[in-house]
C-alpha atoms as a PDB file:
ATOM      1  CA  MET A   1       3.974  -6.189 -10.279  1.00  0.00           C
ATOM      2  CA  PRO A   2       0.686  -7.157  -8.607  1.00  0.00           C
ATOM      3  CA  GLN A   3       0.501  -7.400  -4.842  1.00  0.00           C
ATOM      4  CA  ILE A   4      -0.531 -10.933  -3.804  1.00  0.00           C
ATOM      5  CA  ILE A   5      -1.242 -11.985  -0.230  1.00  0.00           C
ATOM      6  CA  PRO A   6      -2.655 -15.146   1.373  1.00  0.00           C
ATOM      7  CA  ILE A   7      -6.159 -15.051   2.818  1.00  0.00           C
ATOM      8  CA  ARG A   8      -4.839 -15.565   6.358  1.00  0.00           C
ATOM      9  CA  ASP A   9      -3.277 -12.081   6.165  1.00  0.00           C
ATOM     10  CA  LEU A  10      -6.730 -10.492   5.961  1.00  0.00           C
ATOM     11  CA  LYS A  11      -6.597 -10.362   9.764  1.00  0.00           C
ATOM     12  CA  LYS A  12      -4.181  -7.433   9.373  1.00  0.00           C
ATOM     13  CA  THR A  13      -6.922  -5.030   8.278  1.00  0.00           C
ATOM     14  CA  ALA A  14      -5.100  -1.787   9.057  1.00  0.00           C
ATOM     15  CA  GLU A  15      -1.998  -2.892   7.142  1.00  0.00           C
ATOM     16  CA  ILE A  16      -4.043  -4.061   4.168  1.00  0.00           C
ATOM     17  CA  SER A  17      -6.039  -0.854   4.130  1.00  0.00           C
ATOM     18  CA  GLU A  18      -2.798   1.121   4.043  1.00  0.00           C
ATOM     19  CA  MET A  19      -1.420  -1.100   1.245  1.00  0.00           C
ATOM     20  CA  CYS A  20      -4.571  -0.494  -0.805  1.00  0.00           C
ATOM     21  CA  ARG A  21      -4.262   3.270  -0.443  1.00  0.00           C
ATOM     22  CA  MET A  22      -0.508   3.354  -1.058  1.00  0.00           C
ATOM     23  CA  GLU A  23      -0.414   0.962  -4.027  1.00  0.00           C
ATOM     24  CA  GLN A  24      -3.517   2.403  -5.735  1.00  0.00           C
ATOM     25  CA  LYS A  25      -3.869  -0.981  -7.420  1.00  0.00           C
ATOM     26  CA  PRO A  26      -5.914  -4.073  -6.613  1.00  0.00           C
ATOM     27  CA  ILE A  27      -4.454  -6.555  -4.142  1.00  0.00           C
ATOM     28  CA  TYR A  28      -4.985 -10.196  -5.018  1.00  0.00           C
ATOM     29  CA  ILE A  29      -5.932 -12.621  -2.249  1.00  0.00           C
ATOM     30  CA  THR A  30      -5.089 -16.298  -2.557  1.00  0.00           C
ATOM     31  CA  LYS A  31      -6.648 -19.277  -0.808  1.00  0.00           C
ATOM     32  CA  ASN A  32      -4.773 -22.573  -0.811  1.00  0.00           C
ATOM     33  CA  GLY A  33      -2.431 -21.152  -3.431  1.00  0.00           C
ATOM     34  CA  TYR A  34      -5.182 -20.144  -5.883  1.00  0.00           C
ATOM     35  CA  GLY A  35      -6.684 -16.764  -6.655  1.00  0.00           C
ATOM     36  CA  ASP A  36      -9.776 -16.144  -4.541  1.00  0.00           C
ATOM     37  CA  MET A  37     -10.516 -12.417  -4.160  1.00  0.00           C
ATOM     38  CA  VAL A  38      -9.386  -8.948  -5.111  1.00  0.00           C
ATOM     39  CA  ILE A  39      -9.523  -5.919  -2.814  1.00  0.00           C
ATOM     40  CA  MET A  40      -8.798  -2.276  -3.532  1.00  0.00           C
ATOM     41  CA  SER A  41      -9.291   1.196  -2.118  1.00  0.00           C
ATOM     42  CA  MET A  42     -12.497   3.076  -2.838  1.00  0.00           C
ATOM     43  CA  GLU A  43     -10.524   5.570  -4.931  1.00  0.00           C
ATOM     44  CA  THR A  44      -9.076   2.793  -7.081  1.00  0.00           C
ATOM     45  CA  PHE A  45     -12.511   1.178  -7.418  1.00  0.00           C
ATOM     46  CA  GLU A  46     -14.162   4.452  -8.455  1.00  0.00           C
ATOM     47  CA  ARG A  47     -11.435   5.112 -11.039  1.00  0.00           C
ATOM     48  CA  ALA A  48     -11.941   1.621 -12.460  1.00  0.00           C
ATOM     49  CA  MET A  49     -15.719   2.104 -12.642  1.00  0.00           C
ATOM     50  CA  LEU A  50     -15.313   5.470 -14.365  1.00  0.00           C
ATOM     51  CA  ARG A  51     -12.886   3.968 -16.878  1.00  0.00           C
ATOM     52  CA  ASP A  52     -15.319   1.114 -17.575  1.00  0.00           C
ATOM     53  CA  GLU A  53     -18.169   3.589 -18.102  1.00  0.00           C
ATOM     54  CA  ILE A  54     -16.060   5.621 -20.535  1.00  0.00           C
ATOM     55  CA  TYR A  55     -15.209   2.469 -22.507  1.00  0.00           C
ATOM     56  CA  ARG A  56     -18.902   1.462 -22.629  1.00  0.00           C
ATOM     57  CA  GLU A  57     -19.859   4.912 -23.923  1.00  0.00           C
ATOM     58  CA  LEU A  58     -17.089   4.839 -26.528  1.00  0.00           C
ATOM     59  CA  GLU A  59     -18.193   1.398 -27.664  1.00  0.00           C
ATOM     60  CA  ALA A  60     -21.818   2.561 -27.951  1.00  0.00           C
ATOM     61  CA  GLY A  61     -20.676   5.578 -29.968  1.00  0.00           C
ATOM     62  CA  GLN A  62     -18.609   3.364 -32.258  1.00  0.00           C
ATOM     63  CA  LYS A  63     -21.624   1.104 -32.862  1.00  0.00           C
ATOM     64  CA  ASP A  64     -23.811   4.132 -33.632  1.00  0.00           C
ATOM     65  CA  PHE A  65     -21.194   5.347 -36.091  1.00  0.00           C
ATOM     66  CA  GLU A  66     -20.983   1.933 -37.760  1.00  0.00           C
ATOM     67  CA  ASN A  67     -24.792   1.828 -38.031  1.00  0.00           C
ATOM     68  CA  GLY A  68     -24.899   5.255 -39.669  1.00  0.00           C
ATOM     69  CA  LYS A  69     -26.431   7.039 -36.674  1.00  0.00           C
ATOM     70  CA  VAL A  70     -24.405  10.215 -37.128  1.00  0.00           C
ATOM     71  CA  LYS A  71     -25.099  13.927 -37.491  1.00  0.00           C
ATOM     72  CA  ASP A  72     -23.108  16.680 -39.091  1.00  0.00           C
ATOM     73  CA  ALA A  73     -21.213  18.555 -36.368  1.00  0.00           C
ATOM     74  CA  PHE A  74     -21.965  21.993 -37.827  1.00  0.00           C
ATOM     75  CA  GLN A  75     -25.696  21.239 -38.029  1.00  0.00           C
ATOM     76  CA  SER A  76     -25.666  19.966 -34.458  1.00  0.00           C
ATOM     77  CA  LEU A  77     -23.945  23.132 -33.235  1.00  0.00           C
ATOM     78  CA  ASP A  78     -26.456  25.288 -35.129  1.00  0.00           C
ATOM     79  CA  MET A  79     -29.329  23.353 -33.503  1.00  0.00           C
ATOM     80  CA  LEU A  80     -27.815  23.815 -30.032  1.00  0.00           C
ATOM     81  CA  ARG A  81     -27.260  27.533 -30.615  1.00  0.00           C
ATOM     82  CA  ALA A  82     -30.831  27.981 -31.777  1.00  0.00           C
ATOM     83  CA  LYS A  83     -32.199  25.959 -28.851  1.00  0.00           C
ATOM     84  CA  HIS A  84     -30.267  27.985 -26.261  1.00  0.00           C
ATOM     85  CA  GLY A  85     -30.388  31.351 -28.000  1.00  0.00           C
ATOM     86  CA  VAL A  86     -26.647  31.701 -28.398  1.00  0.00           C
END
Protein backbone atom coordinates (compact mmCIF):
# COMPACT_ATOMS: atom_id res chain seq x y z
CA MET A 1 0.00 0.00 0.00
CA PRO A 2 1.51 3.38 -0.93
CA GLN A 3 2.53 5.78 1.79
CA ILE A 4 0.61 9.07 1.43
CA ILE A 5 1.23 12.15 3.56
CA PRO A 6 -0.02 15.75 3.44
CA ILE A 7 2.37 18.48 2.35
CA ARG A 8 2.30 20.08 5.81
CA ASP A 9 4.14 17.01 7.15
CA LEU A 10 7.20 17.87 5.05
CA LYS A 11 8.36 19.90 8.06
CA LYS A 12 9.24 16.57 9.70
CA THR A 13 12.29 16.04 7.49
CA ALA A 14 14.09 13.52 9.70
CA GLU A 15 10.98 11.35 10.03
CA ILE A 16 10.28 11.49 6.30
CA SER A 17 13.88 10.66 5.48
CA GLU A 18 13.66 7.62 7.74
CA MET A 19 10.34 6.58 6.14
CA CYS A 20 11.91 6.80 2.68
CA ARG A 21 14.81 4.58 3.70
CA MET A 22 12.67 2.08 5.60
CA GLU A 23 9.85 1.76 3.05
CA GLN A 24 12.16 1.65 0.00
CA LYS A 25 9.19 2.90 -2.00
CA PRO A 26 8.09 6.36 -3.11
CA ILE A 27 6.08 8.45 -0.67
CA TYR A 28 3.24 10.42 -2.19
CA ILE A 29 2.66 13.99 -1.03
CA THR A 30 -0.78 15.55 -1.26
CA LYS A 31 -1.77 19.21 -1.34
CA ASN A 32 -5.38 20.13 -0.64
CA GLY A 33 -6.30 16.47 -0.96
CA TYR A 34 -4.74 16.00 -4.42
CA GLY A 35 -1.50 14.37 -5.46
CA ASP A 36 1.29 16.94 -5.70
CA MET A 37 4.73 15.34 -5.34
CA VAL A 38 6.58 12.08 -4.85
CA ILE A 39 9.72 11.66 -2.75
CA MET A 40 11.98 8.66 -2.32
CA SER A 41 15.40 7.67 -1.04
CA MET A 42 18.40 7.92 -3.34
CA GLU A 43 18.68 4.13 -3.34
CA THR A 44 15.07 3.75 -4.47
CA PHE A 45 15.56 6.44 -7.12
CA GLU A 46 18.72 4.81 -8.48
CA ARG A 47 17.00 1.41 -8.64
CA ALA A 48 14.10 2.97 -10.55
CA MET A 49 16.47 4.68 -12.99
CA LEU A 50 18.39 1.45 -13.57
CA ARG A 51 15.16 -0.44 -14.18
CA ASP A 52 14.02 2.22 -16.66
CA GLU A 53 17.35 2.03 -18.49
CA ILE A 54 17.09 -1.76 -18.73
CA TYR A 55 13.56 -1.48 -20.16
CA ARG A 56 14.73 1.12 -22.72
CA GLU A 57 17.58 -1.15 -23.81
CA LEU A 58 15.26 -4.15 -24.07
CA GLU A 59 12.81 -2.12 -26.13
CA ALA A 60 15.60 -0.96 -28.46
CA GLY A 61 16.76 -4.56 -28.85
CA GLN A 62 13.22 -5.70 -29.61
CA LYS A 63 12.89 -3.01 -32.30
CA ASP A 64 16.23 -4.04 -33.83
CA PHE A 65 15.04 -7.65 -33.88
CA GLU A 66 11.75 -6.68 -35.52
CA ASN A 67 13.64 -4.64 -38.14
CA GLY A 68 15.91 -7.57 -38.96
CA LYS A 69 19.03 -6.07 -37.38
CA VAL A 70 20.30 -9.36 -35.99
CA LYS A 71 23.50 -11.40 -36.17
CA ASP A 72 24.12 -15.08 -35.74
CA ALA A 73 25.37 -15.70 -32.20
CA PHE A 74 28.06 -18.18 -33.29
CA GLN A 75 29.42 -15.76 -35.90
CA SER A 76 29.46 -12.97 -33.34
CA LEU A 77 31.38 -15.12 -30.86
CA ASP A 78 33.88 -16.10 -33.58
CA MET A 79 34.39 -12.40 -34.42
CA LEU A 80 34.96 -11.53 -30.75
CA ARG A 81 37.42 -14.40 -30.31
CA ALA A 82 39.35 -13.34 -33.38
CA LYS A 83 39.37 -9.69 -32.30
CA HIS A 84 40.69 -10.50 -28.81
CA GLY A 85 42.89 -13.44 -29.73
CA VAL A 86 41.02 -15.97 -27.63
